[in-house]
Amino acid sequence: VHVNEKAANVNSSAFDHIQMKLFRSQRNLYLSGFSLFLWLVL
């Protein structure tokens, strides 16, 4: 998702919302990946 600068200035809460969703999805990716790795090691 790319938000151009004009849209970001006009609707900053939408940009923040997308960044928040991206952060949560990255966090979930790291957690699930590490859990999968630990499961394989165990």
ModelCIF file with pLDDT and N, C-alpha, C, O atoms, coordinates in Angstrom:
data_MODEL
#
_entry.id   MODEL 
#
_entity.id                         1 
_entity.type                       polymer 
_entity.pdbx_number_of_molecules   1 
#
_entity_poly.entity_id                      1 
_entity_poly.type                           'polypeptide(L)' 
_entity_poly.nstd_linkage                   no 
_entity_poly.nstd_monomer                   no 
_entity_poly.pdbx_seq_one_letter_code       VHVNEKAANVNSSAFDHIQMKLFRSQRNLYLSGFSLFLWLVL 
_entity_poly.pdbx_seq_one_letter_code_can   VHVNEKAANVNSSAFDHIQMKLFRSQRNLYLSGFSLFLWLVL 
_entity_poly.pdbx_strand_id                 A 
#
loop_
_entity_poly_seq.entity_id 
_entity_poly_seq.num 
_entity_poly_seq.mon_id 
_entity_poly_seq.hetero 
1 1  VAL n 
1 2  HIS n 
1 3  VAL n 
1 4  ASN n 
1 5  GLU n 
1 6  LYS n 
1 7  ALA n 
1 8  ALA n 
1 9  ASN n 
1 10 VAL n 
1 11 ASN n 
1 12 SER n 
1 13 SER n 
1 14 ALA n 
1 15 PHE n 
1 16 ASP n 
1 17 HIS n 
1 18 ILE n 
1 19 GLN n 
1 20 MET n 
1 21 LYS n 
1 22 LEU n 
1 23 PHE n 
1 24 ARG n 
1 25 SER n 
1 26 GLN n 
1 27 ARG n 
1 28 ASN n 
1 29 LEU n 
1 30 TYR n 
1 31 LEU n 
1 32 SER n 
1 33 GLY n 
1 34 PHE n 
1 35 SER n 
1 36 LEU n 
1 37 PHE n 
1 38 LEU n 
1 39 TRP n 
1 40 LEU n 
1 41 VAL n 
1 42 LEU n 
#
_struct_asym.id          A 
_struct_asym.entity_id   1 
#
loop_
_ma_qa_metric.id 
_ma_qa_metric.mode 
_ma_qa_metric.name 
_ma_qa_metric.software_group_id 
_ma_qa_metric.type 
1 global pLDDT . pLDDT 
2 local  pLDDT . pLDDT 
#
_ma_qa_metric_global.metric_id      1 
_ma_qa_metric_global.metric_value   78.52 
_ma_qa_metric_global.model_id       1 
_ma_qa_metric_global.ordinal_id     1 
#
loop_
_ma_qa_metric_local.label_asym_id 
_ma_qa_metric_local.label_comp_id 
_ma_qa_metric_local.label_seq_id 
_ma_qa_metric_local.metric_id 
_ma_qa_metric_local.metric_value 
_ma_qa_metric_local.model_id 
_ma_qa_metric_local.ordinal_id 
A VAL 1  2 63.00 1 1  
A HIS 2  2 57.00 1 2  
A VAL 3  2 48.00 1 3  
A ASN 4  2 47.00 1 4  
A GLU 5  2 46.00 1 5  
A LYS 6  2 46.00 1 6  
A ALA 7  2 49.00 1 7  
A ALA 8  2 51.00 1 8  
A ASN 9  2 56.00 1 9  
A VAL 10 2 55.00 1 10 
A ASN 11 2 69.00 1 11 
A SER 12 2 73.00 1 12 
A SER 13 2 78.00 1 13 
A ALA 14 2 76.00 1 14 
A PHE 15 2 76.00 1 15 
A ASP 16 2 81.00 1 16 
A HIS 17 2 82.00 1 17 
A ILE 18 2 83.00 1 18 
A GLN 19 2 84.00 1 19 
A MET 20 2 87.00 1 20 
A LYS 21 2 85.00 1 21 
A LEU 22 2 86.00 1 22 
A PHE 23 2 87.00 1 23 
A ARG 24 2 88.00 1 24 
A SER 25 2 88.00 1 25 
A GLN 26 2 88.00 1 26 
A ARG 27 2 89.00 1 27 
A ASN 28 2 88.00 1 28 
A LEU 29 2 88.00 1 29 
A TYR 30 2 91.00 1 30 
A LEU 31 2 90.00 1 31 
A SER 32 2 90.00 1 32 
A GLY 33 2 89.00 1 33 
A PHE 34 2 93.00 1 34 
A SER 35 2 91.00 1 35 
A LEU 36 2 91.00 1 36 
A PHE 37 2 94.00 1 37 
A LEU 38 2 95.00 1 38 
A TRP 39 2 94.00 1 39 
A LEU 40 2 94.00 1 40 
A VAL 41 2 96.00 1 41 
A LEU 42 2 96.00 1 42 
#
loop_
_atom_site.group_PDB 
_atom_site.id 
_atom_site.type_symbol 
_atom_site.label_atom_id 
_atom_site.label_alt_id 
_atom_site.label_comp_id 
_atom_site.label_asym_id 
_atom_site.label_entity_id 
_atom_site.label_seq_id 
_atom_site.pdbx_PDB_ins_code 
_atom_site.Cartn_x 
_atom_site.Cartn_y 
_atom_site.Cartn_z 
_atom_site.occupancy 
_atom_site.B_iso_or_equiv 
_atom_site.pdbx_formal_charge 
_atom_site.auth_seq_id 
_atom_site.auth_comp_id 
_atom_site.auth_asym_id 
_atom_site.auth_atom_id 
_atom_site.pdbx_PDB_model_num 
ATOM 1   N N  . VAL A 1 1  ? 0.849  -1.183  0.000  1.00 63.00 ? 1  VAL A N  1 
ATOM 2   C CA . VAL A 1 1  ? 0.000  0.000   0.000  1.00 63.00 ? 1  VAL A CA 1 
ATOM 3   C C  . VAL A 1 1  ? 0.890  1.241   0.000  1.00 63.00 ? 1  VAL A C  1 
ATOM 4   O O  . VAL A 1 1  ? 1.672  1.454   0.927  1.00 63.00 ? 1  VAL A O  1 
ATOM 5   N N  . HIS A 1 2  ? 0.766  2.052   -1.037 1.00 57.00 ? 2  HIS A N  1 
ATOM 6   C CA . HIS A 1 2  ? 1.548  3.279   -1.131 1.00 57.00 ? 2  HIS A CA 1 
ATOM 7   C C  . HIS A 1 2  ? 0.599  4.473   -1.002 1.00 57.00 ? 2  HIS A C  1 
ATOM 8   O O  . HIS A 1 2  ? -0.392 4.605   -1.720 1.00 57.00 ? 2  HIS A O  1 
ATOM 9   N N  . VAL A 1 3  ? 0.940  5.291   -0.095 1.00 48.00 ? 3  VAL A N  1 
ATOM 10  C CA . VAL A 1 3  ? 0.139  6.496   0.096  1.00 48.00 ? 3  VAL A CA 1 
ATOM 11  C C  . VAL A 1 3  ? 0.985  7.665   -0.388 1.00 48.00 ? 3  VAL A C  1 
ATOM 12  O O  . VAL A 1 3  ? 2.081  7.911   0.116  1.00 48.00 ? 3  VAL A O  1 
ATOM 13  N N  . ASN A 1 4  ? 0.470  8.360   -1.347 1.00 47.00 ? 4  ASN A N  1 
ATOM 14  C CA . ASN A 1 4  ? 1.251  9.487   -1.851 1.00 47.00 ? 4  ASN A CA 1 
ATOM 15  C C  . ASN A 1 4  ? 1.256  10.620  -0.812 1.00 47.00 ? 4  ASN A C  1 
ATOM 16  O O  . ASN A 1 4  ? 0.459  10.627  0.126  1.00 47.00 ? 4  ASN A O  1 
ATOM 17  N N  . GLU A 1 5  ? 2.156  11.554  -1.000 1.00 46.00 ? 5  GLU A N  1 
ATOM 18  C CA . GLU A 1 5  ? 2.373  12.585  0.018  1.00 46.00 ? 5  GLU A CA 1 
ATOM 19  C C  . GLU A 1 5  ? 1.168  13.495  0.184  1.00 46.00 ? 5  GLU A C  1 
ATOM 20  O O  . GLU A 1 5  ? 0.880  13.936  1.296  1.00 46.00 ? 5  GLU A O  1 
ATOM 21  N N  . LYS A 1 6  ? 0.470  13.781  -0.883 1.00 46.00 ? 6  LYS A N  1 
ATOM 22  C CA . LYS A 1 6  ? -0.700 14.659  -0.771 1.00 46.00 ? 6  LYS A CA 1 
ATOM 23  C C  . LYS A 1 6  ? -1.797 13.988  0.032  1.00 46.00 ? 6  LYS A C  1 
ATOM 24  O O  . LYS A 1 6  ? -2.433 14.612  0.882  1.00 46.00 ? 6  LYS A O  1 
ATOM 25  N N  . ALA A 1 7  ? -2.009 12.730  -0.243 1.00 49.00 ? 7  ALA A N  1 
ATOM 26  C CA . ALA A 1 7  ? -3.041 11.998  0.498  1.00 49.00 ? 7  ALA A CA 1 
ATOM 27  C C  . ALA A 1 7  ? -2.616 11.827  1.959  1.00 49.00 ? 7  ALA A C  1 
ATOM 28  O O  . ALA A 1 7  ? -3.458 11.845  2.857  1.00 49.00 ? 7  ALA A O  1 
ATOM 29  N N  . ALA A 1 8  ? -1.320 11.664  2.195  1.00 51.00 ? 8  ALA A N  1 
ATOM 30  C CA . ALA A 1 8  ? -0.835 11.502  3.556  1.00 51.00 ? 8  ALA A CA 1 
ATOM 31  C C  . ALA A 1 8  ? -1.026 12.771  4.360  1.00 51.00 ? 8  ALA A C  1 
ATOM 32  O O  . ALA A 1 8  ? -1.356 12.710  5.544  1.00 51.00 ? 8  ALA A O  1 
ATOM 33  N N  . ASN A 1 9  ? -0.821 13.931  3.729  1.00 56.00 ? 9  ASN A N  1 
ATOM 34  C CA . ASN A 1 9  ? -1.020 15.194  4.430  1.00 56.00 ? 9  ASN A CA 1 
ATOM 35  C C  . ASN A 1 9  ? -2.491 15.433  4.721  1.00 56.00 ? 9  ASN A C  1 
ATOM 36  O O  . ASN A 1 9  ? -2.851 15.965  5.771  1.00 56.00 ? 9  ASN A O  1 
ATOM 37  N N  . VAL A 1 10 ? -3.333 15.036  3.786  1.00 55.00 ? 10 VAL A N  1 
ATOM 38  C CA . VAL A 1 10 ? -4.762 15.276  3.952  1.00 55.00 ? 10 VAL A CA 1 
ATOM 39  C C  . VAL A 1 10 ? -5.347 14.296  4.961  1.00 55.00 ? 10 VAL A C  1 
ATOM 40  O O  . VAL A 1 10 ? -6.120 14.686  5.836  1.00 55.00 ? 10 VAL A O  1 
ATOM 41  N N  . ASN A 1 11 ? -4.985 13.052  4.841  1.00 69.00 ? 11 ASN A N  1 
ATOM 42  C CA . ASN A 1 11 ? -5.599 12.025  5.686  1.00 69.00 ? 11 ASN A CA 1 
ATOM 43  C C  . ASN A 1 11 ? -4.503 11.295  6.475  1.00 69.00 ? 11 ASN A C  1 
ATOM 44  O O  . ASN A 1 11 ? -4.191 10.140  6.186  1.00 69.00 ? 11 ASN A O  1 
ATOM 45  N N  . SER A 1 12 ? -3.934 11.959  7.450  1.00 73.00 ? 12 SER A N  1 
ATOM 46  C CA . SER A 1 12 ? -2.825 11.379  8.209  1.00 73.00 ? 12 SER A CA 1 
ATOM 47  C C  . SER A 1 12 ? -3.270 10.219  9.093  1.00 73.00 ? 12 SER A C  1 
ATOM 48  O O  . SER A 1 12 ? -2.474 9.322   9.370  1.00 73.00 ? 12 SER A O  1 
ATOM 49  N N  . SER A 1 13 ? -4.495 10.216  9.530  1.00 78.00 ? 13 SER A N  1 
ATOM 50  C CA . SER A 1 13 ? -4.952 9.101   10.378 1.00 78.00 ? 13 SER A CA 1 
ATOM 51  C C  . SER A 1 13 ? -5.032 7.813   9.565  1.00 78.00 ? 13 SER A C  1 
ATOM 52  O O  . SER A 1 13 ? -4.783 6.740   10.115 1.00 78.00 ? 13 SER A O  1 
ATOM 53  N N  . ALA A 1 14 ? -5.365 7.877   8.288  1.00 76.00 ? 14 ALA A N  1 
ATOM 54  C CA . ALA A 1 14 ? -5.393 6.686   7.433  1.00 76.00 ? 14 ALA A CA 1 
ATOM 55  C C  . ALA A 1 14 ? -3.974 6.149   7.260  1.00 76.00 ? 14 ALA A C  1 
ATOM 56  O O  . ALA A 1 14 ? -3.759 4.938   7.308  1.00 76.00 ? 14 ALA A O  1 
ATOM 57  N N  . PHE A 1 15 ? -3.001 7.046   7.057  1.00 76.00 ? 15 PHE A N  1 
ATOM 58  C CA . PHE A 1 15 ? -1.607 6.628   6.932  1.00 76.00 ? 15 PHE A CA 1 
ATOM 59  C C  . PHE A 1 15 ? -1.128 5.957   8.225  1.00 76.00 ? 15 PHE A C  1 
ATOM 60  O O  . PHE A 1 15 ? -0.469 4.918   8.192  1.00 76.00 ? 15 PHE A O  1 
ATOM 61  N N  . ASP A 1 16 ? -1.473 6.576   9.370  1.00 81.00 ? 16 ASP A N  1 
ATOM 62  C CA . ASP A 1 16 ? -1.099 5.989   10.656 1.00 81.00 ? 16 ASP A CA 1 
ATOM 63  C C  . ASP A 1 16 ? -1.754 4.629   10.855 1.00 81.00 ? 16 ASP A C  1 
ATOM 64  O O  . ASP A 1 16 ? -1.136 3.713   11.397 1.00 81.00 ? 16 ASP A O  1 
ATOM 65  N N  . HIS A 1 17 ? -2.991 4.497   10.422 1.00 82.00 ? 17 HIS A N  1 
ATOM 66  C CA . HIS A 1 17 ? -3.714 3.236   10.549 1.00 82.00 ? 17 HIS A CA 1 
ATOM 67  C C  . HIS A 1 17 ? -3.038 2.139   9.718  1.00 82.00 ? 17 HIS A C  1 
ATOM 68  O O  . HIS A 1 17 ? -2.913 1.001   10.172 1.00 82.00 ? 17 HIS A O  1 
ATOM 69  N N  . ILE A 1 18 ? -2.608 2.481   8.514  1.00 83.00 ? 18 ILE A N  1 
ATOM 70  C CA . ILE A 1 18 ? -1.927 1.505   7.654  1.00 83.00 ? 18 ILE A CA 1 
ATOM 71  C C  . ILE A 1 18 ? -0.588 1.117   8.269  1.00 83.00 ? 18 ILE A C  1 
ATOM 72  O O  . ILE A 1 18 ? -0.217 -0.056  8.261  1.00 83.00 ? 18 ILE A O  1 
ATOM 73  N N  . GLN A 1 19 ? 0.136  2.095   8.800  1.00 84.00 ? 19 GLN A N  1 
ATOM 74  C CA . GLN A 1 19 ? 1.417  1.803   9.445  1.00 84.00 ? 19 GLN A CA 1 
ATOM 75  C C  . GLN A 1 19 ? 1.226  0.904   10.668 1.00 84.00 ? 19 GLN A C  1 
ATOM 76  O O  . GLN A 1 19 ? 2.041  0.018   10.926 1.00 84.00 ? 19 GLN A O  1 
ATOM 77  N N  . MET A 1 20 ? 0.154  1.134   11.414 1.00 87.00 ? 20 MET A N  1 
ATOM 78  C CA . MET A 1 20 ? -0.147 0.307   12.582 1.00 87.00 ? 20 MET A CA 1 
ATOM 79  C C  . MET A 1 20 ? -0.439 -1.134  12.149 1.00 87.00 ? 20 MET A C  1 
ATOM 80  O O  . MET A 1 20 ? 0.046  -2.077  12.775 1.00 87.00 ? 20 MET A O  1 
ATOM 81  N N  . LYS A 1 21 ? -1.220 -1.307  11.096 1.00 85.00 ? 21 LYS A N  1 
ATOM 82  C CA . LYS A 1 21 ? -1.541 -2.642  10.586 1.00 85.00 ? 21 LYS A CA 1 
ATOM 83  C C  . LYS A 1 21 ? -0.279 -3.342  10.092 1.00 85.00 ? 21 LYS A C  1 
ATOM 84  O O  . LYS A 1 21 ? -0.096 -4.538  10.323 1.00 85.00 ? 21 LYS A O  1 
ATOM 85  N N  . LEU A 1 22 ? 0.600  -2.585  9.403  1.00 86.00 ? 22 LEU A N  1 
ATOM 86  C CA . LEU A 1 22 ? 1.859  -3.141  8.925  1.00 86.00 ? 22 LEU A CA 1 
ATOM 87  C C  . LEU A 1 22 ? 2.716  -3.604  10.101 1.00 86.00 ? 22 LEU A C  1 
ATOM 88  O O  . LEU A 1 22 ? 3.293  -4.691  10.054 1.00 86.00 ? 22 LEU A O  1 
ATOM 89  N N  . PHE A 1 23 ? 2.805  -2.800  11.141 1.00 87.00 ? 23 PHE A N  1 
ATOM 90  C CA . PHE A 1 23 ? 3.580  -3.166  12.323 1.00 87.00 ? 23 PHE A CA 1 
ATOM 91  C C  . PHE A 1 23 ? 3.035  -4.447  12.954 1.00 87.00 ? 23 PHE A C  1 
ATOM 92  O O  . PHE A 1 23 ? 3.806  -5.343  13.299 1.00 87.00 ? 23 PHE A O  1 
ATOM 93  N N  . ARG A 1 24 ? 1.733  -4.537  13.105 1.00 88.00 ? 24 ARG A N  1 
ATOM 94  C CA . ARG A 1 24 ? 1.126  -5.731  13.708 1.00 88.00 ? 24 ARG A CA 1 
ATOM 95  C C  . ARG A 1 24 ? 1.364  -6.974  12.849 1.00 88.00 ? 24 ARG A C  1 
ATOM 96  O O  . ARG A 1 24 ? 1.650  -8.048  13.378 1.00 88.00 ? 24 ARG A O  1 
ATOM 97  N N  . SER A 1 25 ? 1.249  -6.835  11.563 1.00 88.00 ? 25 SER A N  1 
ATOM 98  C CA . SER A 1 25 ? 1.460  -8.000  10.692 1.00 88.00 ? 25 SER A CA 1 
ATOM 99  C C  . SER A 1 25 ? 2.925  -8.436  10.718 1.00 88.00 ? 25 SER A C  1 
ATOM 100 O O  . SER A 1 25 ? 3.210  -9.633  10.674 1.00 88.00 ? 25 SER A O  1 
ATOM 101 N N  . GLN A 1 26 ? 3.861  -7.478  10.788 1.00 88.00 ? 26 GLN A N  1 
ATOM 102 C CA . GLN A 1 26 ? 5.277  -7.839  10.898 1.00 88.00 ? 26 GLN A CA 1 
ATOM 103 C C  . GLN A 1 26 ? 5.559  -8.527  12.227 1.00 88.00 ? 26 GLN A C  1 
ATOM 104 O O  . GLN A 1 26 ? 6.301  -9.508  12.280 1.00 88.00 ? 26 GLN A O  1 
ATOM 105 N N  . ARG A 1 27 ? 4.970  -8.014  13.289 1.00 89.00 ? 27 ARG A N  1 
ATOM 106 C CA . ARG A 1 27 ? 5.133  -8.638  14.598 1.00 89.00 ? 27 ARG A CA 1 
ATOM 107 C C  . ARG A 1 27 ? 4.616  -10.071 14.572 1.00 89.00 ? 27 ARG A C  1 
ATOM 108 O O  . ARG A 1 27 ? 5.283  -10.977 15.071 1.00 89.00 ? 27 ARG A O  1 
ATOM 109 N N  . ASN A 1 28 ? 3.442  -10.286 13.998 1.00 88.00 ? 28 ASN A N  1 
ATOM 110 C CA . ASN A 1 28 ? 2.872  -11.630 13.909 1.00 88.00 ? 28 ASN A CA 1 
ATOM 111 C C  . ASN A 1 28 ? 3.741  -12.553 13.060 1.00 88.00 ? 28 ASN A C  1 
ATOM 112 O O  . ASN A 1 28 ? 3.871  -13.741 13.352 1.00 88.00 ? 28 ASN A O  1 
ATOM 113 N N  . LEU A 1 29 ? 4.334  -11.992 12.006 1.00 88.00 ? 29 LEU A N  1 
ATOM 114 C CA . LEU A 1 29 ? 5.225  -12.776 11.160 1.00 88.00 ? 29 LEU A CA 1 
ATOM 115 C C  . LEU A 1 29 ? 6.427  -13.253 11.963 1.00 88.00 ? 29 LEU A C  1 
ATOM 116 O O  . LEU A 1 29 ? 6.774  -14.433 11.907 1.00 88.00 ? 29 LEU A O  1 
ATOM 117 N N  . TYR A 1 30 ? 7.062  -12.370 12.699 1.00 91.00 ? 30 TYR A N  1 
ATOM 118 C CA . TYR A 1 30 ? 8.228  -12.755 13.496 1.00 91.00 ? 30 TYR A CA 1 
ATOM 119 C C  . TYR A 1 30 ? 7.859  -13.767 14.576 1.00 91.00 ? 30 TYR A C  1 
ATOM 120 O O  . TYR A 1 30 ? 8.579  -14.745 14.777 1.00 91.00 ? 30 TYR A O  1 
ATOM 121 N N  . LEU A 1 31 ? 6.768  -13.547 15.256 1.00 90.00 ? 31 LEU A N  1 
ATOM 122 C CA . LEU A 1 31 ? 6.360  -14.471 16.320 1.00 90.00 ? 31 LEU A CA 1 
ATOM 123 C C  . LEU A 1 31 ? 6.036  -15.859 15.780 1.00 90.00 ? 31 LEU A C  1 
ATOM 124 O O  . LEU A 1 31 ? 6.481  -16.865 16.331 1.00 90.00 ? 31 LEU A O  1 
ATOM 125 N N  . SER A 1 32 ? 5.262  -15.908 14.703 1.00 90.00 ? 32 SER A N  1 
ATOM 126 C CA . SER A 1 32 ? 4.891  -17.218 14.153 1.00 90.00 ? 32 SER A CA 1 
ATOM 127 C C  . SER A 1 32 ? 6.104  -17.909 13.531 1.00 90.00 ? 32 SER A C  1 
ATOM 128 O O  . SER A 1 32 ? 6.223  -19.131 13.624 1.00 90.00 ? 32 SER A O  1 
ATOM 129 N N  . GLY A 1 33 ? 6.991  -17.166 12.909 1.00 89.00 ? 33 GLY A N  1 
ATOM 130 C CA . GLY A 1 33 ? 8.207  -17.753 12.345 1.00 89.00 ? 33 GLY A CA 1 
ATOM 131 C C  . GLY A 1 33 ? 9.108  -18.325 13.421 1.00 89.00 ? 33 GLY A C  1 
ATOM 132 O O  . GLY A 1 33 ? 9.626  -19.432 13.274 1.00 89.00 ? 33 GLY A O  1 
ATOM 133 N N  . PHE A 1 34 ? 9.298  -17.597 14.478 1.00 93.00 ? 34 PHE A N  1 
ATOM 134 C CA . PHE A 1 34 ? 10.130 -18.093 15.566 1.00 93.00 ? 34 PHE A CA 1 
ATOM 135 C C  . PHE A 1 34 ? 9.484  -19.299 16.244 1.00 93.00 ? 34 PHE A C  1 
ATOM 136 O O  . PHE A 1 34 ? 10.183 -20.241 16.616 1.00 93.00 ? 34 PHE A O  1 
ATOM 137 N N  . SER A 1 35 ? 8.175  -19.285 16.410 1.00 91.00 ? 35 SER A N  1 
ATOM 138 C CA . SER A 1 35 ? 7.476  -20.440 16.999 1.00 91.00 ? 35 SER A CA 1 
ATOM 139 C C  . SER A 1 35 ? 7.614  -21.661 16.113 1.00 91.00 ? 35 SER A C  1 
ATOM 140 O O  . SER A 1 35 ? 7.811  -22.767 16.616 1.00 91.00 ? 35 SER A O  1 
ATOM 141 N N  . LEU A 1 36 ? 7.515  -21.486 14.813 1.00 91.00 ? 36 LEU A N  1 
ATOM 142 C CA . LEU A 1 36 ? 7.686  -22.594 13.872 1.00 91.00 ? 36 LEU A CA 1 
ATOM 143 C C  . LEU A 1 36 ? 9.103  -23.150 13.953 1.00 91.00 ? 36 LEU A C  1 
ATOM 144 O O  . LEU A 1 36 ? 9.298  -24.366 13.959 1.00 91.00 ? 36 LEU A O  1 
ATOM 145 N N  . PHE A 1 37 ? 10.090 -22.263 14.015 1.00 94.00 ? 37 PHE A N  1 
ATOM 146 C CA . PHE A 1 37 ? 11.479 -22.707 14.140 1.00 94.00 ? 37 PHE A CA 1 
ATOM 147 C C  . PHE A 1 37 ? 11.694 -23.481 15.440 1.00 94.00 ? 37 PHE A C  1 
ATOM 148 O O  . PHE A 1 37 ? 12.330 -24.535 15.426 1.00 94.00 ? 37 PHE A O  1 
ATOM 149 N N  . LEU A 1 38 ? 11.184 -22.984 16.546 1.00 95.00 ? 38 LEU A N  1 
ATOM 150 C CA . LEU A 1 38 ? 11.337 -23.688 17.821 1.00 95.00 ? 38 LEU A CA 1 
ATOM 151 C C  . LEU A 1 38 ? 10.655 -25.049 17.793 1.00 95.00 ? 38 LEU A C  1 
ATOM 152 O O  . LEU A 1 38 ? 11.165 -26.018 18.356 1.00 95.00 ? 38 LEU A O  1 
ATOM 153 N N  . TRP A 1 39 ? 9.504  -25.119 17.139 1.00 94.00 ? 39 TRP A N  1 
ATOM 154 C CA . TRP A 1 39 ? 8.807  -26.397 17.034 1.00 94.00 ? 39 TRP A CA 1 
ATOM 155 C C  . TRP A 1 39 ? 9.676  -27.408 16.289 1.00 94.00 ? 39 TRP A C  1 
ATOM 156 O O  . TRP A 1 39 ? 9.759  -28.566 16.697 1.00 94.00 ? 39 TRP A O  1 
ATOM 157 N N  . LEU A 1 40 ? 10.324 -26.986 15.200 1.00 94.00 ? 40 LEU A N  1 
ATOM 158 C CA . LEU A 1 40 ? 11.197 -27.882 14.442 1.00 94.00 ? 40 LEU A CA 1 
ATOM 159 C C  . LEU A 1 40 ? 12.400 -28.327 15.279 1.00 94.00 ? 40 LEU A C  1 
ATOM 160 O O  . LEU A 1 40 ? 12.777 -29.499 15.252 1.00 94.00 ? 40 LEU A O  1 
ATOM 161 N N  . VAL A 1 41 ? 12.994 -27.403 16.012 1.00 96.00 ? 41 VAL A N  1 
ATOM 162 C CA . VAL A 1 41 ? 14.149 -27.740 16.851 1.00 96.00 ? 41 VAL A CA 1 
ATOM 163 C C  . VAL A 1 41 ? 13.734 -28.717 17.948 1.00 96.00 ? 41 VAL A C  1 
ATOM 164 O O  . VAL A 1 41 ? 14.447 -29.687 18.205 1.00 96.00 ? 41 VAL A O  1 
ATOM 165 N N  . LEU A 1 42 ? 12.607 -28.482 18.590 1.00 96.00 ? 42 LEU A N  1 
ATOM 166 C CA . LEU A 1 42 ? 12.153 -29.379 19.650 1.00 96.00 ? 42 LEU A CA 1 
ATOM 167 C C  . LEU A 1 42 ? 11.817 -30.762 19.107 1.00 96.00 ? 42 LEU A C  1 
ATOM 168 O O  . LEU A 1 42 ? 11.418 -31.643 19.868 1.00 96.00 ? 42 LEU A O  1 
#
